[in-house]
Each structure stands twice: as structure tokens, then as C-alpha cells.
């Protein structure tokens, strides 16, 4: 592998990531750009111009690298450049979509996306709605963006309640900062603030269409009526979104969408199996989560996300064959399996102190099952799959599934994290890690993550993580 390394340009915004000339030559020589869902072709040269010139100029906060933050600086992973383009152009592409009359729909993190895309809409989970609103303002430094993000969340706390997690961006949706066309998540055992916020939207000053899929919980999912009930909710949702988009939706549209997303799920599972079995982790925590995360999250374009996944798997296979260790990882890093919604430890810091995030239950639970690609009723096929998601099952079922994944990931420790205000995840965190720890016999830790983007909050999180990595390392047999 070439000895090229990332360089950084100092500016008033901070240390801006710059790819070396050797990487540019390799990337452009590869020649392939990206094909988007709407048929647009983004050339390799356009992608390169974005990640090297236009993106850093307009959104320095997204390209600033510090000791504990910033995008991956693994300059050898060419698919990572396309993934960076996909994630950092999200705000622009969502704004373009709404300008064309394509409805952007607020959903819940982790859930499947097929019915939304099939109905001509774009599903956007809480963190992405917040990112869209944040990056409507250009030229922000990393510190500027963190302050603006905190202000957005405080706006939601003031309008809703301080006791609810504000990833969902209640305030920015209600004041029209971003033109959300509908609030339409699956309501299930995932995030208490989603249900809280949805009810608040019902009574808020901005009256948005609500298209809710009520998913049976508390042991009801196996009842004979449950799948039919969920399927009817999905059918109503698609009909409602089709009215907003103006698209006439056929059953074939849904079957076609299932095939596309199944392919992403299958690639993500293949990637995880390769990574978990490798002697050395072939990617660092940031790239690892970004790659397998594409199995569920598409950054508003599943066609492009599928292409990036395909290229990522091919690159990782090559790395494993060559015995390459992920950039920034220490030899034989401590493998941490993360549980909980919408959270991660500081990924760069995890790598620096000798760990690596090997897996995560949120999002992975949804790529664990494919949707049938043919049958009498696509809505029923999707409903039956949704009701199998391990993450939304009863606590013991979820713990049993998590223990299986922890073993497959060869994890050395289990870290359950949850956001301040997430009453559901905070209530089950200790139950899950105690049961998984009992079955697998590795140490665990529960961490509540606050939304305060301040040095004190970061230091508290990082100090506890360092301690846990040390404990997990010392516990290796």
C-alpha cells in the first residue's frame, strides 16, 4: 500500500482534512463516479472536487479533524471518499428534493425505509433532520456548528420538555426550519422521545400530516392479528405519502424496493462477517460503522448507497487478504460492542486508546432480516419482517439476540449507551447488559450520553471509555 497520509490545512475553522495527491490520482484513475436514484451521474471528478474544494469551503465543520472528532482520514479507502460525499452532501440533496416537490418525511432511527421510497418520498431519521437544519448555514467552524446544534436542541426542550431526548428536532420541524412534509415513524419499542414528540406534533402550531405505523409490542407481535394490523398501517401510510408525492404506487414498486434494500442488507451482513473474522480489523471504528450502517441508512439515496457498499466490500476483501489493519488502530485492539439508540462513543478516541467499535445493535437489527421479494401481499410481507426485528422485541429476546452477535463479533466488552431523556433505553440498559454479560462472560458498562456539546461532557465520556477499554483488555482470557 502507498505511504500516502492525510494532511491538514490550518484555517480559522480549524484543521481541514486534505487528501494527498497520490490519493487523487488513484481515485480519478479508478474512473467510477456514483449513479443516483434520480438517474443523475456524479463523476469521480465531481466527487473529488466536492471532498477537496467545495465541501470544505462551504461546510468546514464537516471536514475539520481534531484529536477527538472529524471524518476518517484513512486516505487509502477509496470507497470512503464516496461515502464522505454521500454523507456531507445530504443537506444539499434534501433541499434540492423538496424544491422538486419530493416530500421529505420524518421517521424513527433504525427502522426500514422501503415504503417511503416506494411512495416517492425520502425518509429522514432524527439525526439527519437535525443535520439538514444545521447545515443550512454555510461557513461554520466545528465549534460554531456544535453551538448551533445545542441551540437547536434547547429550542426543542423549551417547546416540548427538557425530559425528552431532542435528536428528533421537534423545535426545528415545528418552526419550519426544514420543510418536513409529514411525521410518519413506526411506533415501537425503540425511542420514547419519538412517541412523545409525535403526540406533540399533533398539537403543535404547525399542523403536519401524521402517518403513523403502530407496531404491536409487549408480546403481541406473535398474535395472529398482529401482522395484518401492521400491514394495514403500512398500506395507509403508503397511500398517504403517495398523495403528497403525486405518485401512483403499485405492489411491484414495493417488491422492487424490497429487492434493492435486501441487497444492501446482504452486503452489510457479508461485510460484518468478513470484518469480524479477520485477524486484524481492516477498517477503523469510523469507517466500520459507516460501511455496515449503509445496510440500513442510505443518506437519502439507496441506489448510491448500494454502490458504495459494493465497492467497500470489495476493498475490504482485498485488505483482509493483504493483512491490512484499519488506519489509526492499535495492534489487536479491544473490541467493543455498542448497544442503544442513536449513540456511539467518540470513535476517534476509542481507536486512539486501543479499542475499536466492532458492532452495534441499533440499525444492525434491521439488516438482520430480509423482506420476502414476492408473494400475494407486499404489505403483509413487510409487516411480518418488521415484527421480527430483534431490537424491538421483549428484553430477554433482544438480549439473547445481542449475545449471539457479541459472540460473532468476538467482542471483549459490551457498552450500552443512551441519550439523556430516552426513558425506554435507559430503563432496559442494565437488564440487557447483565443478561448478555451472563451469557458471554465479558465486562459491560452503561453510559448516559448528554447532548451538551461542551468540553466537560466530552471529557467525562472519554474518561469512562478509557477505563472501560482498560477493564476489557485486562479481562481477556
Protein backbone atom coordinates (compact mmCIF):
# COMPACT_ATOMS: atom_id res chain seq x y z
CA UNK A 1 0.00 0.00 0.00
CA UNK A 2 1.23 3.52 -0.84
CA UNK A 3 2.71 5.52 2.03
CA UNK A 4 0.38 8.49 1.45
CA UNK A 5 -1.12 10.10 4.55
CA UNK A 6 -3.68 12.82 5.12
CA UNK A 7 -2.55 16.40 5.51
CA UNK A 8 -4.39 19.27 7.14
CA UNK A 9 -4.81 22.89 6.18
CA UNK A 10 -4.95 25.33 9.08
CA UNK A 11 -7.66 27.98 8.88
CA UNK A 12 -9.86 29.93 11.24
CA UNK A 13 -12.19 26.94 11.03
CA UNK A 14 -9.54 24.52 12.33
CA UNK A 15 -7.54 21.72 10.75
CA UNK A 16 -9.26 20.90 7.45
CA UNK A 17 -8.76 17.40 6.03
CA UNK A 18 -6.82 17.32 2.75
CA UNK A 19 -6.26 14.19 0.70
CA UNK A 20 -2.74 13.77 -0.75
CA UNK A 21 -2.06 13.93 -4.47
CA UNK A 22 -1.43 10.18 -4.57
CA UNK A 23 -4.97 9.54 -3.39
CA UNK A 24 -6.37 11.90 -6.01
CA UNK A 25 -4.50 10.04 -8.74
CA UNK A 26 -5.76 6.65 -7.55
CA UNK A 27 -9.33 7.88 -7.12
CA UNK A 28 -9.58 9.52 -10.54
CA UNK A 29 -7.79 6.62 -12.22
CA UNK A 30 -10.46 4.30 -10.86
CA UNK A 31 -12.83 6.32 -13.00
CA UNK A 32 -16.19 5.42 -11.47
CA UNK A 33 -18.46 8.04 -10.02
CA UNK A 34 -21.89 7.48 -8.49
CA UNK A 35 -25.31 6.89 -10.02
CA UNK A 36 -28.11 8.48 -8.00
CA UNK A 37 -31.68 7.30 -7.61
CA UNK A 38 -33.00 10.02 -9.91
CA UNK A 39 -30.64 8.90 -12.69
CA UNK A 40 -28.08 11.65 -12.25
CA UNK A 41 -24.46 10.68 -12.80
CA UNK A 42 -21.93 12.19 -10.40
CA UNK A 43 -18.47 11.78 -11.91
CA UNK A 44 -15.35 10.86 -9.97
CA UNK A 45 -14.02 14.34 -10.74
CA UNK A 46 -17.14 15.98 -9.26
CA UNK A 47 -16.87 13.85 -6.13
CA UNK A 48 -13.19 14.74 -5.80
CA UNK A 49 -13.91 18.43 -6.24
CA UNK A 50 -16.53 18.25 -3.50
CA UNK A 51 -14.39 16.48 -0.87
CA UNK A 52 -11.29 18.55 -1.63
CA UNK A 53 -12.60 22.02 -2.52
CA UNK A 54 -16.30 22.86 -2.46
CA UNK A 55 -17.30 20.83 0.60
CA UNK A 56 -14.55 22.09 2.92
CA UNK A 57 -15.14 25.66 1.72
CA UNK A 58 -18.90 25.63 2.30
CA UNK A 59 -19.07 23.27 5.28
CA UNK A 60 -15.72 23.38 7.11
CA UNK A 61 -17.43 21.87 10.19
CA UNK A 62 -17.92 18.60 8.27
CA UNK A 63 -14.29 18.35 7.17
CA UNK A 64 -12.50 19.59 10.30
CA UNK A 65 -10.33 17.00 12.05
CA UNK A 66 -9.20 17.14 15.65
CA UNK A 67 -7.80 14.65 18.09
CA UNK A 68 -11.28 13.53 19.12
CA UNK A 69 -13.51 14.42 16.18
CA UNK A 70 -13.77 14.62 12.42
CA UNK A 71 -14.22 12.30 9.42
CA UNK A 72 -11.97 9.32 8.91
CA UNK A 73 -8.57 10.24 7.50
CA UNK A 74 -7.93 6.81 6.02
CA UNK A 75 -6.83 8.13 2.63
CA UNK A 76 -6.34 4.65 1.17
CA UNK A 77 -10.02 3.61 1.39
CA UNK A 78 -11.34 4.96 -1.91
CA UNK A 79 -14.94 3.93 -1.25
CA UNK A 80 -14.70 6.03 1.90
CA UNK A 81 -14.32 9.14 -0.28
CA UNK A 82 -17.64 8.37 -1.96
CA UNK A 83 -19.24 7.67 1.40
CA UNK A 84 -17.97 11.05 2.64
CA UNK A 85 -19.54 12.69 -0.41
CA UNK A 86 -22.83 10.88 0.27
CA UNK A 87 -22.99 11.99 3.91
CA UNK A 88 -21.74 15.56 3.51
CA UNK A 89 -23.99 16.43 0.55
CA UNK A 90 -27.10 15.29 2.43
CA UNK A 91 -28.38 18.79 3.27
CA UNK A 92 -27.96 19.99 -0.30
CA UNK A 93 -29.69 16.94 -1.73
CA UNK A 94 -32.63 17.15 0.70
CA UNK A 95 -33.11 20.82 -0.13
CA UNK A 96 -32.98 20.00 -3.85
CA UNK A 97 -35.50 17.22 -3.40
CA UNK A 98 -38.02 19.44 -1.63
CA UNK A 99 -37.55 22.12 -4.30
CA UNK A 100 -38.59 19.47 -6.84
CA UNK A 101 -41.69 18.59 -4.81
CA UNK A 102 -40.37 15.35 -3.35
CA UNK A 103 -41.68 15.02 0.23
CA UNK A 104 -39.11 14.51 2.99
CA UNK A 105 -40.69 12.53 5.82
CA UNK A 106 -39.57 12.43 9.44
CA UNK A 107 -39.19 8.83 10.64
CA UNK A 108 -37.63 6.98 13.56
CA UNK A 109 -33.97 5.97 13.61
CA UNK A 110 -33.19 2.36 12.73
CA UNK A 111 -36.46 1.47 11.02
CA UNK A 112 -36.71 0.16 7.46
CA UNK A 113 -37.20 2.65 4.62
CA UNK A 114 -38.88 0.72 1.81
CA UNK A 115 -42.48 2.04 1.97
CA UNK A 116 -41.32 5.66 1.98
CA UNK A 117 -39.11 5.37 -1.09
CA UNK A 118 -41.71 3.24 -2.88
CA UNK A 119 -44.26 6.03 -2.32
CA UNK A 120 -41.99 8.65 -3.89
CA UNK A 121 -40.82 10.18 -0.62
CA UNK A 122 -37.49 10.40 1.20
CA UNK A 123 -37.39 9.11 4.79
CA UNK A 124 -35.16 11.14 7.11
CA UNK A 125 -34.29 9.95 10.58
CA UNK A 126 -33.86 12.30 13.58
CA UNK A 127 -30.11 12.93 13.34
CA UNK A 128 -30.38 13.70 9.63
CA UNK A 129 -33.24 16.15 10.09
CA UNK A 130 -31.06 17.92 12.65
CA UNK A 131 -28.03 17.85 10.34
CA UNK A 132 -30.11 19.25 7.48
CA UNK A 133 -31.22 22.18 9.61
CA UNK A 134 -27.71 22.70 11.00
CA UNK A 135 -26.04 22.87 7.60
CA UNK A 136 -28.47 25.28 6.01
CA UNK A 137 -25.94 27.79 7.31
CA UNK A 138 -22.63 27.61 5.48
CA UNK A 139 -19.13 28.51 6.65
CA UNK A 140 -19.48 27.23 10.21
CA UNK A 141 -16.44 26.11 12.16
CA UNK A 142 -16.66 22.90 14.14
CA UNK A 143 -17.25 24.95 17.30
CA UNK A 144 -19.87 27.12 15.60
CA UNK A 145 -21.76 24.04 14.48
CA UNK A 146 -21.68 22.46 17.93
CA UNK A 147 -23.09 25.64 19.48
CA UNK A 148 -25.79 25.88 16.81
CA UNK A 149 -26.69 22.21 17.35
CA UNK A 150 -27.01 22.76 21.08
CA UNK A 151 -29.25 25.77 20.48
CA UNK A 152 -31.49 23.69 18.22
CA UNK A 153 -31.90 21.10 20.95
CA UNK A 154 -32.59 23.72 23.58
CA UNK A 155 -35.27 25.10 21.30
CA UNK A 156 -36.89 21.67 21.30
CA UNK A 157 -36.57 21.34 25.07
CA UNK A 158 -38.25 24.70 25.56
CA UNK A 159 -41.10 23.86 23.19
CA UNK A 160 -41.58 20.28 24.36
CA UNK A 161 -39.91 19.21 27.60
CA UNK A 162 -36.40 19.01 29.00
CA UNK A 163 -37.04 15.35 29.84
CA UNK A 164 -37.15 14.16 26.21
CA UNK A 165 -34.16 13.37 24.01
CA UNK A 166 -34.03 16.03 21.29
CA UNK A 167 -32.38 14.13 18.48
CA UNK A 168 -35.80 14.28 16.89
CA UNK A 169 -35.61 18.05 16.42
CA UNK A 170 -39.16 18.85 17.46
CA UNK A 171 -38.43 22.56 17.51
CA UNK A 172 -36.81 22.82 14.08
CA UNK A 173 -39.67 20.89 12.47
CA UNK A 174 -42.35 22.94 14.20
CA UNK A 175 -40.83 26.31 13.28
CA UNK A 176 -40.37 25.28 9.66
CA UNK A 177 -36.56 25.48 9.64
CA UNK A 178 -36.65 22.43 7.39
CA UNK A 179 -39.67 21.66 5.18
CA UNK A 180 -40.71 18.29 6.56
CA UNK A 181 -43.78 17.10 4.64
CA UNK A 182 -45.05 14.57 7.18
CA UNK A 183 -44.25 12.97 10.52
CA UNK A 184 -44.58 9.24 9.95
CA UNK A 185 -42.40 6.91 12.05
CA UNK A 186 -43.03 3.33 13.07
CA UNK A 187 -44.09 3.49 16.71
CA UNK A 188 -42.37 0.63 18.53
CA UNK A 189 -40.05 -0.23 21.43
CA UNK A 190 -37.17 1.98 20.41
CA UNK A 191 -37.12 5.64 21.48
CA UNK A 192 -39.53 7.12 23.96
CA UNK A 193 -38.99 10.64 22.63
CA UNK A 194 -40.38 9.71 19.21
CA UNK A 195 -43.78 8.83 20.64
CA UNK A 196 -43.58 11.87 22.92
CA UNK A 197 -42.67 14.15 20.03
CA UNK A 198 -45.25 12.70 17.63
CA UNK A 199 -48.02 13.46 20.08
CA UNK A 200 -46.61 16.98 20.49
CA UNK A 201 -46.64 17.47 16.70
CA UNK A 202 -50.33 16.57 16.76
CA UNK A 203 -50.97 19.62 18.92
CA UNK A 204 -48.15 21.92 17.71
CA UNK A 205 -48.63 25.25 15.93
CA UNK A 206 -47.54 23.75 12.59
CA UNK A 207 -50.06 21.10 11.60
CA UNK A 208 -48.15 18.39 9.77
CA UNK A 209 -49.69 15.24 8.33
CA UNK A 210 -49.18 12.30 10.70
CA UNK A 211 -48.80 8.89 9.07
CA UNK A 212 -48.06 6.51 11.91
CA UNK A 213 -47.45 2.77 11.73
CA UNK A 214 -48.44 1.36 15.10
CA UNK A 215 -46.30 -1.74 15.73
CA UNK A 216 -47.66 -4.22 18.33
CA UNK A 217 -45.39 -4.62 21.34
CA UNK A 218 -45.34 -6.35 24.75
CA UNK A 219 -45.75 -9.88 23.48
CA UNK A 220 -48.45 -9.05 20.94
CA UNK A 221 -46.28 -9.41 17.83
CA UNK A 222 -46.84 -13.18 17.66
CA UNK A 223 -50.63 -12.93 17.83
CA UNK A 224 -52.48 -13.92 14.63
CA UNK A 225 -53.83 -10.41 14.10
CA UNK A 226 -50.54 -8.53 14.60
CA UNK A 227 -49.08 -8.80 11.08
CA UNK A 228 -52.42 -7.95 9.46
CA UNK A 229 -52.79 -4.94 11.75
CA UNK A 230 -49.27 -3.69 10.95
CA UNK A 231 -49.78 -4.32 7.22
CA UNK A 232 -52.91 -2.19 7.27
CA UNK A 233 -50.94 0.62 8.90
CA UNK A 234 -48.27 0.34 6.18
CA UNK A 235 -50.93 0.38 3.45
CA UNK A 236 -52.45 3.58 4.86
CA UNK A 237 -49.00 5.13 5.21
CA UNK A 238 -48.08 4.49 1.57
CA UNK A 239 -51.43 5.82 0.37
CA UNK A 240 -50.97 8.99 2.43
CA UNK A 241 -47.42 9.55 1.18
CA UNK A 242 -48.49 8.88 -2.40
CA UNK A 243 -50.97 11.75 -2.08
CA UNK A 244 -48.12 14.03 -1.03
CA UNK A 245 -45.73 12.89 -3.77
CA UNK A 246 -48.31 12.51 -6.53
CA UNK A 247 -47.01 9.05 -7.36
CA UNK A 248 -49.28 6.14 -8.16
CA UNK A 249 -47.83 3.23 -6.16
CA UNK A 250 -48.19 -0.37 -7.30
CA UNK A 251 -47.37 -3.59 -5.47
CA UNK A 252 -44.49 -4.01 -7.93
CA UNK A 253 -42.99 -0.74 -6.67
CA UNK A 254 -42.79 -2.27 -3.20
CA UNK A 255 -41.39 -5.61 -4.34
CA UNK A 256 -38.73 -3.73 -6.33
CA UNK A 257 -37.86 -1.62 -3.29
CA UNK A 258 -37.55 -4.76 -1.14
CA UNK A 259 -35.03 -6.22 -3.61
CA UNK A 260 -32.91 -3.07 -3.56
CA UNK A 261 -32.79 -2.83 0.23
CA UNK A 262 -32.34 -6.59 0.65
CA UNK A 263 -29.22 -6.33 -1.49
CA UNK A 264 -27.89 -3.61 0.81
CA UNK A 265 -28.70 -5.70 3.88
CA UNK A 266 -27.00 -8.77 2.43
CA UNK A 267 -23.85 -6.82 1.59
CA UNK A 268 -23.74 -5.31 5.07
CA UNK A 269 -24.02 -8.76 6.65
CA UNK A 270 -21.32 -10.08 4.34
CA UNK A 271 -19.10 -7.17 5.27
CA UNK A 272 -19.63 -7.71 9.00
CA UNK A 273 -18.86 -11.42 8.72
CA UNK A 274 -15.60 -10.60 6.90
CA UNK A 275 -14.60 -7.90 9.39
CA UNK A 276 -15.44 -9.99 12.46
CA UNK A 277 -13.48 -13.00 11.18
CA UNK A 278 -10.40 -11.06 10.07
CA UNK A 279 -7.19 -11.47 12.05
CA UNK A 280 -6.77 -7.67 12.07
CA UNK A 281 -9.76 -5.28 11.84
CA UNK A 282 -9.47 -3.97 8.25
CA UNK A 283 -11.12 -0.60 8.94
CA UNK A 284 -11.18 1.78 11.88
CA UNK A 285 -14.25 2.49 14.03
CA UNK A 286 -15.45 5.42 11.94
CA UNK A 287 -15.22 3.65 8.59
CA UNK A 288 -16.51 0.39 10.04
CA UNK A 289 -19.71 1.92 11.37
CA UNK A 290 -20.16 3.96 8.22
CA UNK A 291 -19.89 0.91 5.97
CA UNK A 292 -22.19 -1.54 7.73
CA UNK A 293 -24.54 1.34 8.57
CA UNK A 294 -25.31 1.64 4.85
CA UNK A 295 -27.16 -1.66 5.16
CA UNK A 296 -29.97 0.31 6.78
CA UNK A 297 -29.21 4.00 6.31
CA UNK A 298 -29.00 5.35 2.75
CA UNK A 299 -28.32 9.08 3.27
CA UNK A 300 -31.41 9.80 1.13
CA UNK A 301 -30.26 7.68 -1.83
CA UNK A 302 -30.34 3.86 -1.56
CA UNK A 303 -29.11 3.40 -5.14
CA UNK A 304 -25.91 5.31 -4.45
CA UNK A 305 -25.59 3.71 -1.01
CA UNK A 306 -25.74 0.25 -2.60
CA UNK A 307 -22.90 1.14 -4.97
CA UNK A 308 -20.74 2.45 -2.12
CA UNK A 309 -21.41 -0.74 -0.16
CA UNK A 310 -20.43 -2.93 -3.10
CA UNK A 311 -17.16 -1.07 -3.54
CA UNK A 312 -16.49 -1.10 0.21
CA UNK A 313 -16.89 -4.88 0.44
CA UNK A 314 -14.51 -5.37 -2.49
CA UNK A 315 -11.88 -3.11 -0.90
CA UNK A 316 -12.19 -4.77 2.49
CA UNK A 317 -11.76 -8.23 0.99
CA UNK A 318 -8.53 -7.01 -0.58
CA UNK A 319 -7.35 -5.52 2.70
CA UNK A 320 -8.02 -8.73 4.59
CA UNK A 321 -6.12 -10.75 2.01
CA UNK A 322 -3.16 -8.38 2.48
CA UNK A 323 -3.41 -8.37 6.28
CA UNK A 324 -4.01 -4.60 6.44
CA UNK A 325 -5.06 -3.12 9.78
CA UNK A 326 -7.52 -0.21 9.80
CA UNK A 327 -5.96 3.25 9.84
CA UNK A 328 -5.31 4.54 13.36
CA UNK A 329 -5.95 1.22 15.13
CA UNK A 330 -3.51 -0.29 17.58
CA UNK A 331 -2.47 -3.96 17.19
CA UNK A 332 -5.10 -6.37 18.49
CA UNK A 333 -7.49 -3.62 19.65
CA UNK A 334 -10.11 -4.19 22.33
CA UNK A 335 -13.37 -4.95 20.54
CA UNK A 336 -16.37 -3.07 21.91
CA UNK A 337 -19.95 -3.99 21.00
CA UNK A 338 -22.26 -0.98 21.42
CA UNK A 339 -25.93 -1.20 22.36
CA UNK A 340 -28.52 1.57 22.43
CA UNK A 341 -30.24 4.08 20.15
CA UNK A 342 -28.62 6.97 18.27
CA UNK A 343 -25.34 6.78 20.17
CA UNK A 344 -21.69 5.92 19.85
CA UNK A 345 -18.64 6.59 21.95
CA UNK A 346 -16.17 9.03 20.45
CA UNK A 347 -14.90 6.87 17.59
CA UNK A 348 -11.53 8.54 17.05
CA UNK A 349 -10.86 8.47 20.79
CA UNK A 350 -11.88 4.80 21.01
CA UNK A 351 -9.28 3.92 18.38
CA UNK A 352 -6.62 6.10 19.99
CA UNK A 353 -6.88 4.43 23.40
CA UNK A 354 -6.57 0.93 21.96
CA UNK A 355 -10.18 0.00 21.27
CA UNK A 356 -12.39 -0.39 18.23
CA UNK A 357 -16.18 -0.39 17.90
CA UNK A 358 -16.73 -3.85 16.44
CA UNK A 359 -20.52 -3.81 16.21
CA UNK A 360 -23.74 -2.07 17.15
CA UNK A 361 -27.25 -3.37 17.67
CA UNK A 362 -29.14 -0.25 16.52
CA UNK A 363 -29.52 -0.38 12.74
CA UNK A 364 -27.92 -3.82 12.53
CA UNK A 365 -31.09 -5.35 13.96
CA UNK A 366 -32.95 -4.11 10.88
CA UNK A 367 -30.45 -5.58 8.40
CA UNK A 368 -30.59 -8.94 10.15
CA UNK A 369 -33.79 -9.93 8.27
CA UNK A 370 -34.54 -9.62 4.56
CA UNK A 371 -38.06 -8.90 3.33
CA UNK A 372 -39.65 -11.53 1.03
CA UNK A 373 -39.38 -10.37 -2.58
CA UNK A 374 -42.56 -11.95 -3.90
CA UNK A 375 -45.94 -13.13 -2.68
CA UNK A 376 -49.59 -12.20 -2.53
CA UNK A 377 -49.25 -9.02 -0.47
CA UNK A 378 -46.09 -6.89 -0.15
CA UNK A 379 -47.52 -5.00 2.83
CA UNK A 380 -48.04 -8.23 4.76
CA UNK A 381 -44.56 -9.44 3.77
CA UNK A 382 -43.01 -6.24 5.14
CA UNK A 383 -45.17 -6.31 8.27
CA UNK A 384 -44.14 -9.87 9.12
CA UNK A 385 -40.49 -8.84 8.76
CA UNK A 386 -40.85 -5.72 10.90
CA UNK A 387 -42.35 -7.78 13.70
CA UNK A 388 -39.18 -9.94 13.78
CA UNK A 389 -36.72 -7.10 14.39
CA UNK A 390 -34.78 -8.23 17.49
CA UNK A 391 -34.17 -4.69 18.74
CA UNK A 392 -37.91 -4.11 19.27
CA UNK A 393 -38.63 -7.44 20.98
CA UNK A 394 -39.06 -8.07 24.70
CA UNK A 395 -35.93 -7.54 26.77
CA UNK A 396 -34.91 -11.19 27.07
CA UNK A 397 -35.37 -11.88 23.34
CA UNK A 398 -33.33 -8.80 22.50
CA UNK A 399 -30.63 -9.83 24.98
CA UNK A 400 -30.44 -13.35 23.54
CA UNK A 401 -30.00 -11.98 20.01
CA UNK A 402 -27.43 -9.45 21.19
CA UNK A 403 -25.43 -12.18 22.91
CA UNK A 404 -25.27 -14.08 19.60
CA UNK A 405 -23.95 -11.01 17.81
CA UNK A 406 -21.43 -10.24 20.56
CA UNK A 407 -20.00 -13.74 20.15
CA UNK A 408 -19.89 -13.41 16.35
CA UNK A 409 -18.10 -10.06 16.68
CA UNK A 410 -15.59 -11.62 19.12
CA UNK A 411 -16.23 -8.64 21.37
CA UNK A 412 -14.22 -8.06 24.53
CA UNK A 413 -16.77 -5.77 26.17
CA UNK A 414 -20.37 -4.52 25.92
CA UNK A 415 -21.09 -0.81 26.13
CA UNK A 416 -24.76 0.22 26.42
CA UNK A 417 -25.23 3.93 25.77
CA UNK A 418 -28.37 6.03 25.72
CA UNK A 419 -29.21 9.68 25.31
CA UNK A 420 -30.39 11.85 28.16
CA UNK A 421 -34.17 11.72 28.10
CA UNK A 422 -34.56 8.33 26.39
CA UNK A 423 -36.73 6.74 29.03
CA UNK A 424 -37.13 3.43 27.23
CA UNK A 425 -33.47 2.65 26.53
CA UNK A 426 -32.37 3.89 29.96
CA UNK A 427 -34.93 1.59 31.58
CA UNK A 428 -33.69 -1.59 29.91
CA UNK A 429 -29.95 -0.88 29.60
CA UNK A 430 -28.83 -2.68 32.74
CA UNK A 431 -31.21 -5.59 32.10
CA UNK A 432 -29.73 -6.13 28.65
CA UNK A 433 -26.04 -5.91 29.56
CA UNK A 434 -26.44 -8.06 32.67
CA UNK A 435 -28.07 -10.84 30.67
CA UNK A 436 -25.62 -10.58 27.76
CA UNK A 437 -22.70 -10.47 30.21
CA UNK A 438 -24.02 -13.55 31.98
CA UNK A 439 -24.27 -15.47 28.69
CA UNK A 440 -20.99 -14.33 27.14
CA UNK A 441 -18.86 -13.67 30.21
CA UNK A 442 -17.34 -10.33 29.25
CA UNK A 443 -17.43 -6.98 31.10
CA UNK A 444 -20.09 -4.37 30.47
CA UNK A 445 -20.72 -0.70 31.16
CA UNK A 446 -23.76 1.59 30.89
CA UNK A 447 -23.19 5.23 29.94
CA UNK A 448 -25.74 8.01 29.69
CA UNK A 449 -24.71 10.47 26.99
CA UNK A 450 -25.77 14.09 27.36
CA UNK A 451 -26.42 16.28 24.38
CA UNK A 452 -24.28 19.11 25.71
CA UNK A 453 -21.53 19.66 23.14
CA UNK A 454 -19.10 21.04 25.71
CA UNK A 455 -15.57 20.05 26.77
CA UNK A 456 -16.72 18.86 30.19
CA UNK A 457 -19.26 16.44 28.73
CA UNK A 458 -16.73 15.07 26.26
CA UNK A 459 -14.10 14.57 28.93
CA UNK A 460 -16.49 12.67 31.19
CA UNK A 461 -17.47 10.33 28.36
CA UNK A 462 -13.91 9.83 27.16
CA UNK A 463 -12.52 9.15 30.64
CA UNK A 464 -15.12 6.46 31.30
CA UNK A 465 -14.46 4.92 27.90
CA UNK A 466 -10.72 4.77 28.55
CA UNK A 467 -11.39 2.99 31.84
CA UNK A 468 -13.72 0.51 30.19
CA UNK A 469 -11.25 -0.29 27.40
CA UNK A 470 -8.62 -0.98 30.06
CA UNK A 471 -11.01 -3.24 32.01
CA UNK A 472 -11.99 -5.16 28.87
CA UNK A 473 -8.35 -5.58 27.87
CA UNK A 474 -7.43 -6.92 31.31
CA UNK A 475 -10.40 -9.31 31.20
CA UNK A 476 -9.28 -11.09 28.05
CA UNK A 477 -8.73 -14.75 28.65
